[in-house]
Amino acid sequence: STDFEPGWIEFDVTAAVQAMSSSVPTANYGWRILAASGYTSALKKFHTSEYNANPDLRPKLTVTFH
């Protein structure tokens, strides 16, 4: 979950990536972002990786190794 402030939204996907990369194979269907019920006046819009009008608005995945 996240708040409804304008700008970039960050999701911690560490556990999901670890599960996908584990030694036990699991299905990888990517991620699905669901709307929060009751917040129809504060909807977020997401561009796809193919969005050409402004490439700076394409989603980004940053991977950090520790």
C-alpha atoms as a PDB file:
ATOM      1  CA  SER A   1       0.000   0.000   0.000  1.00  0.00           C
ATOM      2  CA  THR A   2       1.047   3.614  -0.483  1.00  0.00           C
ATOM      3  CA  ASP A   3      -0.255   7.111   0.123  1.00  0.00           C
ATOM      4  CA  PHE A   4      -1.910   9.287  -2.500  1.00  0.00           C
ATOM      5  CA  GLU A   5       0.641  12.078  -2.829  1.00  0.00           C
ATOM      6  CA  PRO A   6       1.613  13.223  -6.348  1.00  0.00           C
ATOM      7  CA  GLY A   7       4.922  12.075  -7.761  1.00  0.00           C
ATOM      8  CA  TRP A   8       6.820   8.810  -7.886  1.00  0.00           C
ATOM      9  CA  ILE A   9       5.578   5.878  -5.816  1.00  0.00           C
ATOM     10  CA  GLU A  10       8.037   3.399  -4.368  1.00  0.00           C
ATOM     11  CA  PHE A  11       7.212  -0.240  -3.657  1.00  0.00           C
ATOM     12  CA  ASP A  12       9.504  -2.596  -1.772  1.00  0.00           C
ATOM     13  CA  VAL A  13       9.470  -5.773  -3.883  1.00  0.00           C
ATOM     14  CA  THR A  14      12.396  -7.447  -2.096  1.00  0.00           C
ATOM     15  CA  ALA A  15      10.432 -10.466  -0.851  1.00  0.00           C
ATOM     16  CA  ALA A  16       8.791 -11.040  -4.228  1.00  0.00           C
ATOM     17  CA  VAL A  17      12.101 -10.866  -6.116  1.00  0.00           C
ATOM     18  CA  GLN A  18      13.718 -13.222  -3.614  1.00  0.00           C
ATOM     19  CA  ALA A  19      10.863 -15.696  -4.079  1.00  0.00           C
ATOM     20  CA  MET A  20      11.186 -15.493  -7.880  1.00  0.00           C
ATOM     21  CA  SER A  21      14.943 -16.039  -7.746  1.00  0.00           C
ATOM     22  CA  SER A  22      14.988 -18.829  -5.168  1.00  0.00           C
ATOM     23  CA  SER A  23      16.354 -22.271  -5.954  1.00  0.00           C
ATOM     24  CA  VAL A  24      12.797 -23.659  -5.890  1.00  0.00           C
ATOM     25  CA  PRO A  25      11.137 -22.658  -9.174  1.00  0.00           C
ATOM     26  CA  THR A  26       7.944 -20.655  -8.799  1.00  0.00           C
ATOM     27  CA  ALA A  27       5.656 -19.102 -11.386  1.00  0.00           C
ATOM     28  CA  ASN A  28       6.509 -15.492 -12.250  1.00  0.00           C
ATOM     29  CA  TYR A  29       3.466 -13.536 -13.378  1.00  0.00           C
ATOM     30  CA  GLY A  30       4.924 -10.123 -12.542  1.00  0.00           C
ATOM     31  CA  TRP A  31       3.021  -7.644 -10.368  1.00  0.00           C
ATOM     32  CA  ARG A  32      -0.509  -6.342 -10.476  1.00  0.00           C
ATOM     33  CA  ILE A  33      -1.406  -2.994  -8.939  1.00  0.00           C
ATOM     34  CA  LEU A  34      -4.938  -2.912  -7.573  1.00  0.00           C
ATOM     35  CA  ALA A  35      -7.001   0.165  -6.782  1.00  0.00           C
ATOM     36  CA  ALA A  36      -7.813   0.825  -3.147  1.00  0.00           C
ATOM     37  CA  SER A  37     -11.539   0.654  -2.606  1.00  0.00           C
ATOM     38  CA  GLY A  38     -13.196   3.969  -1.791  1.00  0.00           C
ATOM     39  CA  TYR A  39     -10.506   6.239  -3.294  1.00  0.00           C
ATOM     40  CA  THR A  40     -12.087   6.953  -6.676  1.00  0.00           C
ATOM     41  CA  SER A  41     -11.295  10.694  -6.462  1.00  0.00           C
ATOM     42  CA  ALA A  42      -7.557  10.097  -5.948  1.00  0.00           C
ATOM     43  CA  LEU A  43      -6.737   7.573  -8.656  1.00  0.00           C
ATOM     44  CA  LYS A  44      -3.129   7.076  -9.734  1.00  0.00           C
ATOM     45  CA  LYS A  45      -2.236   6.626 -13.385  1.00  0.00           C
ATOM     46  CA  PHE A  46       0.746   4.604 -14.529  1.00  0.00           C
ATOM     47  CA  HIS A  47       2.500   4.752 -17.877  1.00  0.00           C
ATOM     48  CA  THR A  48       3.879   1.649 -19.525  1.00  0.00           C
ATOM     49  CA  SER A  49       7.498   1.002 -20.432  1.00  0.00           C
ATOM     50  CA  GLU A  50       6.531   1.773 -24.057  1.00  0.00           C
ATOM     51  CA  TYR A  51       5.215   5.292 -23.228  1.00  0.00           C
ATOM     52  CA  ASN A  52       6.754   7.564 -25.880  1.00  0.00           C
ATOM     53  CA  ALA A  53       5.281  11.005 -25.124  1.00  0.00           C
ATOM     54  CA  ASN A  54       7.653  11.490 -22.191  1.00  0.00           C
ATOM     55  CA  PRO A  55      10.138   8.643 -21.556  1.00  0.00           C
ATOM     56  CA  ASP A  56      10.983  10.141 -18.130  1.00  0.00           C
ATOM     57  CA  LEU A  57       7.534   9.005 -16.949  1.00  0.00           C
ATOM     58  CA  ARG A  58       8.139   5.334 -17.761  1.00  0.00           C
ATOM     59  CA  PRO A  59       8.230   3.019 -14.726  1.00  0.00           C
ATOM     60  CA  LYS A  60      11.667   2.195 -13.360  1.00  0.00           C
ATOM     61  CA  LEU A  61      13.005  -0.753 -11.401  1.00  0.00           C
ATOM     62  CA  THR A  62      16.063  -0.054  -9.274  1.00  0.00           C
ATOM     63  CA  VAL A  63      17.904  -3.069  -7.907  1.00  0.00           C
ATOM     64  CA  THR A  64      20.215  -2.568  -4.943  1.00  0.00           C
ATOM     65  CA  PHE A  65      22.588  -5.326  -3.814  1.00  0.00           C
ATOM     66  CA  HIS A  66      23.777  -5.452  -0.206  1.00  0.00           C
END
